[in-house]
C-alpha atoms as a PDB file:
ATOM      1  CA  MET A   1      22.822 -19.108 -26.537  1.00  0.00           C
ATOM      2  CA  ASN A   2      26.533 -19.155 -27.276  1.00  0.00           C
ATOM      3  CA  ARG A   3      28.566 -22.345 -27.339  1.00  0.00           C
ATOM      4  CA  TYR A   4      31.840 -20.646 -26.357  1.00  0.00           C
ATOM      5  CA  ARG A   5      32.764 -17.928 -23.818  1.00  0.00           C
ATOM      6  CA  LYS A   6      32.578 -14.343 -25.053  1.00  0.00           C
ATOM      7  CA  PHE A   7      34.319 -11.107 -24.145  1.00  0.00           C
ATOM      8  CA  ARG A   8      33.559  -7.465 -24.925  1.00  0.00           C
ATOM      9  CA  LEU A   9      34.516  -4.017 -23.663  1.00  0.00           C
ATOM     10  CA  LEU A  10      32.112  -1.185 -22.901  1.00  0.00           C
ATOM     11  CA  ASN A  11      33.133   2.428 -22.641  1.00  0.00           C
ATOM     12  CA  SER A  12      31.462   5.521 -21.223  1.00  0.00           C
ATOM     13  CA  LYS A  13      29.805   6.318 -24.568  1.00  0.00           C
ATOM     14  CA  GLY A  14      27.842   3.045 -24.313  1.00  0.00           C
ATOM     15  CA  THR A  15      29.835   1.706 -27.264  1.00  0.00           C
ATOM     16  CA  TYR A  16      30.888  -2.039 -27.343  1.00  0.00           C
ATOM     17  CA  PHE A  17      34.093  -3.398 -28.653  1.00  0.00           C
ATOM     18  CA  GLU A  18      33.653  -7.068 -29.430  1.00  0.00           C
ATOM     19  CA  LEU A  19      36.644  -9.244 -28.585  1.00  0.00           C
ATOM     20  CA  THR A  20      35.569 -12.768 -29.510  1.00  0.00           C
ATOM     21  CA  GLU A  21      33.370 -12.261 -32.617  1.00  0.00           C
ATOM     22  CA  LYS A  22      35.691 -13.124 -35.483  1.00  0.00           C
ATOM     23  CA  ASN A  23      33.493 -11.423 -38.056  1.00  0.00           C
ATOM     24  CA  PHE A  24      34.526  -8.100 -36.351  1.00  0.00           C
ATOM     25  CA  LYS A  25      38.145  -9.029 -37.280  1.00  0.00           C
ATOM     26  CA  VAL A  26      39.320  -8.407 -33.723  1.00  0.00           C
ATOM     27  CA  PHE A  27      39.960 -11.279 -31.343  1.00  0.00           C
ATOM     28  CA  ALA A  28      41.120 -11.633 -27.697  1.00  0.00           C
ATOM     29  CA  ASN A  29      43.471 -14.597 -27.758  1.00  0.00           C
ATOM     30  CA  ASN A  30      44.473 -16.642 -24.671  1.00  0.00           C
ATOM     31  CA  PRO A  31      43.060 -14.575 -21.810  1.00  0.00           C
ATOM     32  CA  ARG A  32      44.823 -15.100 -18.478  1.00  0.00           C
ATOM     33  CA  GLY A  33      44.088 -14.043 -14.884  1.00  0.00           C
ATOM     34  CA  LEU A  34      40.410 -14.954 -14.772  1.00  0.00           C
ATOM     35  CA  GLY A  35      40.682 -17.042 -11.627  1.00  0.00           C
ATOM     36  CA  PHE A  36      41.353 -15.659  -8.137  1.00  0.00           C
ATOM     37  CA  SER A  37      44.126 -15.330  -5.542  1.00  0.00           C
ATOM     38  CA  LYS A  38      44.301 -14.140  -1.989  1.00  0.00           C
ATOM     39  CA  THR A  39      46.681 -12.216   0.232  1.00  0.00           C
ATOM     40  CA  ALA A  40      46.850 -13.608   3.782  1.00  0.00           C
ATOM     41  CA  SER A  41      48.672 -13.051   7.041  1.00  0.00           C
ATOM     42  CA  VAL A  42      49.282 -15.861   9.437  1.00  0.00           C
ATOM     43  CA  LEU A  43      50.467 -16.295  13.010  1.00  0.00           C
ATOM     44  CA  ARG A  44      52.548 -19.390  13.821  1.00  0.00           C
ATOM     45  CA  LEU A  45      51.125 -21.311  16.774  1.00  0.00           C
ATOM     46  CA  GLY A  46      53.262 -24.360  17.471  1.00  0.00           C
ATOM     47  CA  ASP A  47      52.852 -26.649  14.458  1.00  0.00           C
ATOM     48  CA  GLU A  48      49.943 -24.761  12.920  1.00  0.00           C
ATOM     49  CA  ASN A  49      49.324 -21.405  11.328  1.00  0.00           C
ATOM     50  CA  PHE A  50      46.519 -19.188  12.611  1.00  0.00           C
ATOM     51  CA  LEU A  51      44.936 -17.014   9.892  1.00  0.00           C
ATOM     52  CA  THR A  52      44.808 -13.414  11.076  1.00  0.00           C
ATOM     53  CA  TYR A  53      43.963 -11.618   7.826  1.00  0.00           C
ATOM     54  CA  ILE A  54      42.792 -12.575   4.372  1.00  0.00           C
ATOM     55  CA  MET A  55      41.687 -10.540   1.310  1.00  0.00           C
ATOM     56  CA  TYR A  56      40.851 -11.427  -2.284  1.00  0.00           C
ATOM     57  CA  ASN A  57      43.236  -9.758  -4.801  1.00  0.00           C
ATOM     58  CA  LEU A  58      42.257  -7.789  -7.896  1.00  0.00           C
ATOM     59  CA  ASP A  59      44.812  -9.551 -10.150  1.00  0.00           C
ATOM     60  CA  THR A  60      45.658  -8.201 -13.593  1.00  0.00           C
ATOM     61  CA  ILE A  61      44.081  -9.779 -16.701  1.00  0.00           C
ATOM     62  CA  GLU A  62      46.179 -10.319 -19.757  1.00  0.00           C
ATOM     63  CA  THR A  63      45.248 -11.223 -23.318  1.00  0.00           C
ATOM     64  CA  GLU A  64      46.526 -10.752 -26.793  1.00  0.00           C
ATOM     65  CA  ILE A  65      44.381  -8.661 -29.126  1.00  0.00           C
ATOM     66  CA  LEU A  66      44.577  -9.851 -32.761  1.00  0.00           C
ATOM     67  CA  PHE A  67      43.709  -7.436 -35.478  1.00  0.00           C
ATOM     68  CA  TYR A  68      43.231  -8.828 -38.899  1.00  0.00           C
ATOM     69  CA  ASP A  69      41.741  -7.690 -42.249  1.00  0.00           C
ATOM     70  CA  ASP A  70      42.246  -7.959 -45.972  1.00  0.00           C
ATOM     71  CA  ASN A  71      45.011  -5.215 -46.061  1.00  0.00           C
ATOM     72  CA  ILE A  72      47.554  -3.913 -43.668  1.00  0.00           C
ATOM     73  CA  ALA A  73      46.154  -0.426 -43.571  1.00  0.00           C
ATOM     74  CA  ASP A  74      42.828  -1.697 -42.174  1.00  0.00           C
ATOM     75  CA  LYS A  75      44.592  -3.731 -39.537  1.00  0.00           C
ATOM     76  CA  TYR A  76      46.327  -0.710 -38.249  1.00  0.00           C
ATOM     77  CA  GLN A  77      43.252   1.381 -38.415  1.00  0.00           C
ATOM     78  CA  LYS A  78      41.416  -1.189 -36.152  1.00  0.00           C
ATOM     79  CA  TYR A  79      44.305  -0.668 -33.714  1.00  0.00           C
ATOM     80  CA  VAL A  80      43.756   3.104 -33.840  1.00  0.00           C
ATOM     81  CA  ASP A  81      40.038   2.648 -33.366  1.00  0.00           C
ATOM     82  CA  PHE A  82      40.671   0.520 -30.296  1.00  0.00           C
ATOM     83  CA  ILE A  83      42.988   3.151 -28.766  1.00  0.00           C
ATOM     84  CA  HIS A  84      40.227   5.770 -29.388  1.00  0.00           C
ATOM     85  CA  PHE A  85      37.690   3.497 -27.774  1.00  0.00           C
ATOM     86  CA  LEU A  86      39.769   3.059 -24.656  1.00  0.00           C
ATOM     87  CA  SER A  87      40.006   6.854 -24.125  1.00  0.00           C
ATOM     88  CA  PHE A  88      36.346   7.052 -23.008  1.00  0.00           C
ATOM     89  CA  LYS A  89      36.298   6.016 -19.386  1.00  0.00           C
ATOM     90  CA  PRO A  90      35.093   4.194 -17.343  1.00  0.00           C
ATOM     91  CA  ILE A  91      35.856   0.948 -19.260  1.00  0.00           C
ATOM     92  CA  TYR A  92      34.052  -2.334 -18.413  1.00  0.00           C
ATOM     93  CA  LEU A  93      35.207  -5.817 -19.377  1.00  0.00           C
ATOM     94  CA  LEU A  94      32.187  -7.964 -20.022  1.00  0.00           C
ATOM     95  CA  TYR A  95      32.104 -11.733 -19.956  1.00  0.00           C
ATOM     96  CA  GLN A  96      29.535 -14.403 -20.983  1.00  0.00           C
ATOM     97  CA  ARG A  97      30.033 -18.009 -20.054  1.00  0.00           C
ATOM     98  CA  PRO A  98      29.333 -20.777 -22.577  1.00  0.00           C
ATOM     99  CA  ASN A  99      25.669 -21.914 -22.791  1.00  0.00           C
ATOM    100  CA  SER A 100      24.515 -18.878 -20.893  1.00  0.00           C
ATOM    101  CA  PHE A 101      22.505 -15.738 -21.713  1.00  0.00           C
ATOM    102  CA  ASP A 102      23.889 -13.755 -18.713  1.00  0.00           C
ATOM    103  CA  TRP A 103      26.668 -11.209 -18.960  1.00  0.00           C
ATOM    104  CA  TYR A 104      28.976 -10.226 -16.060  1.00  0.00           C
ATOM    105  CA  ARG A 105      31.132  -7.113 -15.820  1.00  0.00           C
ATOM    106  CA  ARG A 106      34.010  -5.528 -14.015  1.00  0.00           C
ATOM    107  CA  ARG A 107      35.465  -2.044 -14.320  1.00  0.00           C
ATOM    108  CA  ILE A 108      39.035  -2.083 -15.609  1.00  0.00           C
ATOM    109  CA  GLU A 109      41.917   0.215 -16.566  1.00  0.00           C
ATOM    110  CA  ALA A 110      43.929  -0.606 -19.613  1.00  0.00           C
ATOM    111  CA  MET A 111      47.560  -0.563 -18.248  1.00  0.00           C
ATOM    112  CA  SER A 112      49.451  -1.413 -21.425  1.00  0.00           C
ATOM    113  CA  LEU A 113      48.860  -2.308 -25.041  1.00  0.00           C
ATOM    114  CA  SER A 114      51.953  -3.310 -26.966  1.00  0.00           C
ATOM    115  CA  LYS A 115      52.268  -3.163 -30.792  1.00  0.00           C
ATOM    116  CA  SER A 116      54.888  -4.281 -33.242  1.00  0.00           C
ATOM    117  CA  GLU A 117      54.629  -5.314 -36.960  1.00  0.00           C
ATOM    118  CA  VAL A 118      52.112  -7.487 -38.661  1.00  0.00           C
ATOM    119  CA  SER A 119      53.210 -11.115 -38.277  1.00  0.00           C
ATOM    120  CA  PHE A 120      54.590 -12.880 -41.352  1.00  0.00           C
ATOM    121  CA  ASP A 121      53.249 -16.192 -39.996  1.00  0.00           C
ATOM    122  CA  ASP A 122      49.578 -15.412 -39.786  1.00  0.00           C
ATOM    123  CA  SER A 123      49.287 -11.846 -41.266  1.00  0.00           C
ATOM    124  CA  MET A 124      47.773 -10.515 -37.975  1.00  0.00           C
ATOM    125  CA  LEU A 125      48.762  -7.588 -35.816  1.00  0.00           C
ATOM    126  CA  HIS A 126      49.453  -9.018 -32.357  1.00  0.00           C
ATOM    127  CA  CYS A 127      48.937  -6.505 -29.477  1.00  0.00           C
ATOM    128  CA  PRO A 128      49.358  -7.877 -25.866  1.00  0.00           C
ATOM    129  CA  LEU A 129      46.897  -6.124 -23.583  1.00  0.00           C
ATOM    130  CA  VAL A 130      47.215  -5.832 -19.769  1.00  0.00           C
ATOM    131  CA  MET A 131      44.116  -4.792 -17.794  1.00  0.00           C
ATOM    132  CA  GLN A 132      44.034  -3.861 -14.078  1.00  0.00           C
ATOM    133  CA  PRO A 133      40.571  -4.659 -12.554  1.00  0.00           C
ATOM    134  CA  LEU A 134      39.217  -1.904 -10.407  1.00  0.00           C
ATOM    135  CA  THR A 135      36.228  -3.954  -9.213  1.00  0.00           C
ATOM    136  CA  PHE A 136      35.363  -7.647  -8.803  1.00  0.00           C
ATOM    137  CA  TRP A 137      32.922  -9.280 -11.273  1.00  0.00           C
ATOM    138  CA  GLU A 138      29.298  -8.317 -10.843  1.00  0.00           C
ATOM    139  CA  ASP A 139      25.981  -8.762 -12.588  1.00  0.00           C
ATOM    140  CA  ASN A 140      25.716  -6.707 -15.766  1.00  0.00           C
ATOM    141  CA  GLU A 141      22.002  -6.239 -15.065  1.00  0.00           C
ATOM    142  CA  VAL A 142      20.709  -4.486 -11.940  1.00  0.00           C
ATOM    143  CA  ASN A 143      18.498  -6.552  -9.597  1.00  0.00           C
ATOM    144  CA  VAL A 144      15.549  -4.537  -8.239  1.00  0.00           C
ATOM    145  CA  ILE A 145      12.957  -4.845  -5.492  1.00  0.00           C
ATOM    146  CA  GLU A 146      10.326  -2.130  -5.194  1.00  0.00           C
ATOM    147  CA  THR A 147       7.383  -2.254  -2.886  1.00  0.00           C
ATOM    148  CA  ASN A 148       5.101  -0.110  -0.657  1.00  0.00           C
ATOM    149  CA  ASN A 149       2.730  -0.640   2.300  1.00  0.00           C
ATOM    150  CA  THR A 150      -0.190  -1.582  -0.001  1.00  0.00           C
ATOM    151  CA  ASP A 151       1.757  -4.484  -1.564  1.00  0.00           C
ATOM    152  CA  VAL A 152       0.680  -7.025   1.021  1.00  0.00           C
ATOM    153  CA  ASP A 153       1.033  -9.845  -1.431  1.00  0.00           C
ATOM    154  CA  GLY A 154       4.469  -8.917  -2.522  1.00  0.00           C
ATOM    155  CA  GLY A 155       6.253  -6.089  -4.174  1.00  0.00           C
ATOM    156  CA  LYS A 156       7.252  -5.448  -7.719  1.00  0.00           C
ATOM    157  CA  ILE A 157      10.337  -7.495  -8.492  1.00  0.00           C
ATOM    158  CA  TYR A 158      12.347  -7.343 -11.617  1.00  0.00           C
ATOM    159  CA  PRO A 159      14.074  -9.277 -12.945  1.00  0.00           C
ATOM    160  CA  ILE A 160      12.255 -12.180 -11.311  1.00  0.00           C
ATOM    161  CA  THR A 161      15.241 -14.405 -10.637  1.00  0.00           C
ATOM    162  CA  TYR A 162      14.588 -15.724  -7.139  1.00  0.00           C
ATOM    163  CA  PRO A 163      11.404 -16.309  -5.069  1.00  0.00           C
ATOM    164  CA  PHE A 164      10.798 -13.382  -2.716  1.00  0.00           C
ATOM    165  CA  THR A 165       8.307 -13.429   0.155  1.00  0.00           C
ATOM    166  CA  TYR A 166       6.865 -10.642   2.347  1.00  0.00           C
ATOM    167  CA  GLY A 167       4.963 -10.379   5.593  1.00  0.00           C
ATOM    168  CA  LYS A 168       1.700  -8.456   6.020  1.00  0.00           C
ATOM    169  CA  ASN A 169       3.699  -5.207   6.128  1.00  0.00           C
ATOM    170  CA  SER A 170       5.771  -5.297   2.943  1.00  0.00           C
ATOM    171  CA  LEU A 171       8.285  -2.769   4.398  1.00  0.00           C
ATOM    172  CA  THR A 172       9.533  -5.237   6.930  1.00  0.00           C
ATOM    173  CA  ASN A 173      11.167  -8.667   6.452  1.00  0.00           C
ATOM    174  CA  ILE A 174      11.906  -8.053   2.755  1.00  0.00           C
ATOM    175  CA  HIS A 175      13.921 -11.030   1.534  1.00  0.00           C
ATOM    176  CA  LEU A 176      16.956 -10.326  -0.647  1.00  0.00           C
ATOM    177  CA  TYR A 177      18.935 -13.253  -2.002  1.00  0.00           C
ATOM    178  CA  SER A 178      22.423 -12.429  -3.083  1.00  0.00           C
ATOM    179  CA  ASN A 179      23.763 -14.983  -5.474  1.00  0.00           C
ATOM    180  CA  GLY A 180      27.312 -13.591  -5.243  1.00  0.00           C
ATOM    181  CA  LEU A 181      30.355 -14.782  -3.363  1.00  0.00           C
ATOM    182  CA  ILE A 182      31.277 -11.552  -1.616  1.00  0.00           C
ATOM    183  CA  ASP A 183      29.408  -8.673   0.109  1.00  0.00           C
ATOM    184  CA  THR A 184      27.339  -6.669  -2.386  1.00  0.00           C
ATOM    185  CA  PRO A 185      26.767  -2.910  -2.149  1.00  0.00           C
ATOM    186  CA  LEU A 186      23.156  -1.705  -2.055  1.00  0.00           C
ATOM    187  CA  LYS A 187      21.270   1.290  -3.336  1.00  0.00           C
ATOM    188  CA  LEU A 188      18.391   2.098  -1.042  1.00  0.00           C
ATOM    189  CA  THR A 189      15.533   4.595  -1.761  1.00  0.00           C
ATOM    190  CA  ILE A 190      12.753   5.656   0.444  1.00  0.00           C
ATOM    191  CA  ASN A 191      10.274   7.711  -1.566  1.00  0.00           C
ATOM    192  CA  GLY A 192       7.585   9.540   0.387  1.00  0.00           C
ATOM    193  CA  ARG A 193       7.227  11.812   3.425  1.00  0.00           C
ATOM    194  CA  VAL A 194       8.923  10.118   6.374  1.00  0.00           C
ATOM    195  CA  THR A 195      10.385  11.221   9.696  1.00  0.00           C
ATOM    196  CA  ASP A 196      13.517   9.699  11.280  1.00  0.00           C
ATOM    197  CA  PRO A 197      13.624   6.793   8.843  1.00  0.00           C
ATOM    198  CA  GLN A 198      15.606   3.661   9.692  1.00  0.00           C
ATOM    199  CA  TYR A 199      16.662   0.518   7.793  1.00  0.00           C
ATOM    200  CA  ILE A 200      18.128  -2.651   9.073  1.00  0.00           C
ATOM    201  CA  ILE A 201      19.644  -5.699   7.442  1.00  0.00           C
ATOM    202  CA  TYR A 202      19.765  -9.195   8.984  1.00  0.00           C
ATOM    203  CA  ASN A 203      21.287 -12.473   8.019  1.00  0.00           C
ATOM    204  CA  GLU A 204      19.367 -15.662   7.699  1.00  0.00           C
ATOM    205  CA  GLN A 205      19.762 -16.220  11.470  1.00  0.00           C
ATOM    206  CA  ASN A 206      18.061 -12.826  12.100  1.00  0.00           C
ATOM    207  CA  GLU A 207      21.296 -11.371  13.355  1.00  0.00           C
ATOM    208  CA  ILE A 208      21.697  -7.642  12.565  1.00  0.00           C
ATOM    209  CA  TYR A 209      24.863  -6.813  10.681  1.00  0.00           C
ATOM    210  CA  GLY A 210      23.902  -3.408   9.249  1.00  0.00           C
ATOM    211  CA  ARG A 211      21.663  -0.470   9.927  1.00  0.00           C
ATOM    212  CA  GLY A 212      21.094   3.229   9.042  1.00  0.00           C
ATOM    213  CA  LYS A 213      19.028   6.078  10.415  1.00  0.00           C
ATOM    214  CA  PHE A 214      18.530   9.726   9.464  1.00  0.00           C
ATOM    215  CA  ASN A 215      17.207  12.333  11.880  1.00  0.00           C
ATOM    216  CA  GLY A 216      14.655  14.733  10.299  1.00  0.00           C
ATOM    217  CA  THR A 217      11.761  14.818   7.895  1.00  0.00           C
ATOM    218  CA  PHE A 218      12.384  13.991   4.238  1.00  0.00           C
ATOM    219  CA  ASP A 219      10.383  13.375   1.084  1.00  0.00           C
ATOM    220  CA  ASN A 220      13.078  11.221  -0.480  1.00  0.00           C
ATOM    221  CA  VAL A 221      16.148   9.270   0.991  1.00  0.00           C
ATOM    222  CA  PHE A 222      18.730   7.815  -1.265  1.00  0.00           C
ATOM    223  CA  VAL A 223      21.852   5.858  -0.117  1.00  0.00           C
ATOM    224  CA  ASN A 224      24.394   4.331  -2.454  1.00  0.00           C
ATOM    225  CA  SER A 225      26.976   2.110  -0.774  1.00  0.00           C
ATOM    226  CA  ASN A 226      29.117   1.322  -3.786  1.00  0.00           C
ATOM    227  CA  GLU A 227      32.613   2.175  -2.642  1.00  0.00           C
ATOM    228  CA  SER A 228      33.591   4.344  -5.617  1.00  0.00           C
ATOM    229  CA  GLU A 229      30.189   6.087  -5.627  1.00  0.00           C
ATOM    230  CA  GLU A 230      29.251   6.428  -1.945  1.00  0.00           C
ATOM    231  CA  GLU A 231      26.429   8.965  -1.770  1.00  0.00           C
ATOM    232  CA  ILE A 232      23.614  10.177   0.432  1.00  0.00           C
ATOM    233  CA  GLN A 233      20.943  12.325  -1.050  1.00  0.00           C
ATOM    234  CA  LEU A 234      18.132  13.767   1.156  1.00  0.00           C
ATOM    235  CA  MET A 235      15.196  15.824  -0.265  1.00  0.00           C
ATOM    236  CA  TYR A 236      12.542  17.895   1.450  1.00  0.00           C
ATOM    237  CA  ASN A 237       9.893  19.952  -0.366  1.00  0.00           C
ATOM    238  CA  SER A 238      11.630  19.242  -3.664  1.00  0.00           C
ATOM    239  CA  LEU A 239      14.960  20.619  -2.394  1.00  0.00           C
ATOM    240  CA  ILE A 240      18.172  18.639  -2.002  1.00  0.00           C
ATOM    241  CA  LEU A 241      19.509  19.121   1.490  1.00  0.00           C
ATOM    242  CA  ASP A 242      23.076  20.226   2.042  1.00  0.00           C
ATOM    243  CA  ASN A 243      25.458  18.145   4.142  1.00  0.00           C
ATOM    244  CA  PRO A 244      23.442  14.946   4.121  1.00  0.00           C
ATOM    245  CA  LEU A 245      26.154  13.215   6.226  1.00  0.00           C
ATOM    246  CA  GLY A 246      25.195  15.480   9.058  1.00  0.00           C
ATOM    247  CA  TYR A 247      21.665  13.877   9.292  1.00  0.00           C
ATOM    248  CA  GLN A 248      23.044  10.474  10.147  1.00  0.00           C
ATOM    249  CA  ASP A 249      22.301   8.998  13.467  1.00  0.00           C
ATOM    250  CA  LEU A 250      25.615   7.287  14.283  1.00  0.00           C
ATOM    251  CA  THR A 251      24.453   6.141  17.730  1.00  0.00           C
ATOM    252  CA  ILE A 252      22.726   3.101  16.130  1.00  0.00           C
ATOM    253  CA  GLY A 253      25.901   0.999  15.925  1.00  0.00           C
ATOM    254  CA  SER A 254      29.626   0.857  15.636  1.00  0.00           C
ATOM    255  CA  PRO A 255      31.158   0.815  12.151  1.00  0.00           C
ATOM    256  CA  ASP A 256      33.777  -1.608  13.611  1.00  0.00           C
ATOM    257  CA  GLU A 257      31.067  -4.148  14.275  1.00  0.00           C
ATOM    258  CA  ILE A 258      28.307  -3.647  11.696  1.00  0.00           C
ATOM    259  CA  TYR A 259      27.741  -1.692   8.459  1.00  0.00           C
ATOM    260  CA  VAL A 260      26.431   1.826   9.278  1.00  0.00           C
ATOM    261  CA  THR A 261      24.417   3.800   6.757  1.00  0.00           C
ATOM    262  CA  PHE A 262      26.212   2.287   3.714  1.00  0.00           C
ATOM    263  CA  LEU A 263      24.892  -1.244   3.774  1.00  0.00           C
ATOM    264  CA  LYS A 264      26.048  -4.372   1.906  1.00  0.00           C
ATOM    265  CA  ALA A 265      24.268  -7.656   1.449  1.00  0.00           C
ATOM    266  CA  LYS A 266      26.158 -10.837   2.364  1.00  0.00           C
ATOM    267  CA  ALA A 267      26.104 -13.859   0.184  1.00  0.00           C
ATOM    268  CA  GLY A 268      22.916 -15.917   0.582  1.00  0.00           C
ATOM    269  CA  LEU A 269      19.574 -14.904   2.108  1.00  0.00           C
ATOM    270  CA  ASN A 270      19.298 -11.460   3.646  1.00  0.00           C
ATOM    271  CA  LYS A 271      16.340  -9.718   5.284  1.00  0.00           C
ATOM    272  CA  ILE A 272      15.773  -5.966   5.152  1.00  0.00           C
ATOM    273  CA  SER A 273      13.321  -3.911   7.193  1.00  0.00           C
ATOM    274  CA  PHE A 274      12.479  -0.179   6.780  1.00  0.00           C
ATOM    275  CA  ILE A 275      11.105   1.587   9.895  1.00  0.00           C
ATOM    276  CA  VAL A 276       8.842   4.391   8.790  1.00  0.00           C
ATOM    277  CA  ASP A 277       5.913   6.432  10.120  1.00  0.00           C
ATOM    278  CA  VAL A 278       2.488   4.741  10.701  1.00  0.00           C
ATOM    279  CA  GLY A 279       0.445   5.440   7.581  1.00  0.00           C
ATOM    280  CA  PHE A 280       3.503   5.933   5.356  1.00  0.00           C
ATOM    281  CA  GLU A 281       2.131   6.197   1.816  1.00  0.00           C
ATOM    282  CA  GLY A 282       5.381   6.015  -0.168  1.00  0.00           C
ATOM    283  CA  SER A 283       7.554   3.230  -1.454  1.00  0.00           C
ATOM    284  CA  VAL A 284      11.020   1.702  -0.953  1.00  0.00           C
ATOM    285  CA  ARG A 285      13.384   0.411  -3.552  1.00  0.00           C
ATOM    286  CA  ILE A 286      16.447  -1.810  -3.288  1.00  0.00           C
ATOM    287  CA  GLU A 287      18.998  -2.152  -6.108  1.00  0.00           C
ATOM    288  CA  TRP A 288      22.065  -4.377  -6.217  1.00  0.00           C
ATOM    289  CA  ARG A 289      24.447  -6.356  -8.534  1.00  0.00           C
ATOM    290  CA  ASN A 290      25.646  -9.665  -7.112  1.00  0.00           C
ATOM    291  CA  ARG A 291      29.430  -9.680  -6.874  1.00  0.00           C
ATOM    292  CA  TYR A 292      31.825 -12.577  -7.629  1.00  0.00           C
ATOM    293  CA  VAL A 293      35.554 -13.109  -7.163  1.00  0.00           C
ATOM    294  CA  THR A 294      35.573 -15.372 -10.213  1.00  0.00           C
ATOM    295  CA  ILE A 295      33.005 -16.591 -12.707  1.00  0.00           C
END
């Protein structure tokens, strides 16, 4: 367990660039922009403001990358290596809090990296870096619930972070606890022959705030509600069906009032039910990463 906070970058090749391990001779100094801010609109009503709109901002993050080594050539080579690393996108900034084993991530774009000469004061190459976050912070590890109709005592859950409970039919009233601070996209999979499948998400007060339905018979249904990856994949007899959006039943609710098809989990306790055929012999899988405006 670390006694100080750590930062690292991850590129599309699966390569890490450590930013706070001094033995790597690269260090991210004085990071800024790790809190949060909001954009809001208000309507003046007498002596008070009425809040009409509010949104969390994706503020830029700034730090100073210090390159140091025994000779000048190696310092500049580390700079070149860093530029090469950043060319493989997407890039994720990873963060670990002090006295914690957990890592958090957010996808970023490196907007600028300045470079001058090696400083005479400390013999380091100082390179200010500006990063534009493309997402909010989220768990680095994926949370998964997987269960089927025979799992009457509870489904397979990994990692086991929170206590989950199930009713007699494990495809209804599945409890999902989101530890994040903002709505979290879900990946939902129904694996097994099913006709006109539906799925519904409720809050702790059993109020429906999202649902999806597909008309037809399928062997596999997959929905990814992550904004930058939104996807529906439907399979029948080992074939991926064309135009999966056309199989949606959009009469189940208004997108202006609830999430339709592409569901997200709200912070806190959520309940998910899958409506499938009697005698369904398949399984369902729920995947998510809790999201945070700041950590």
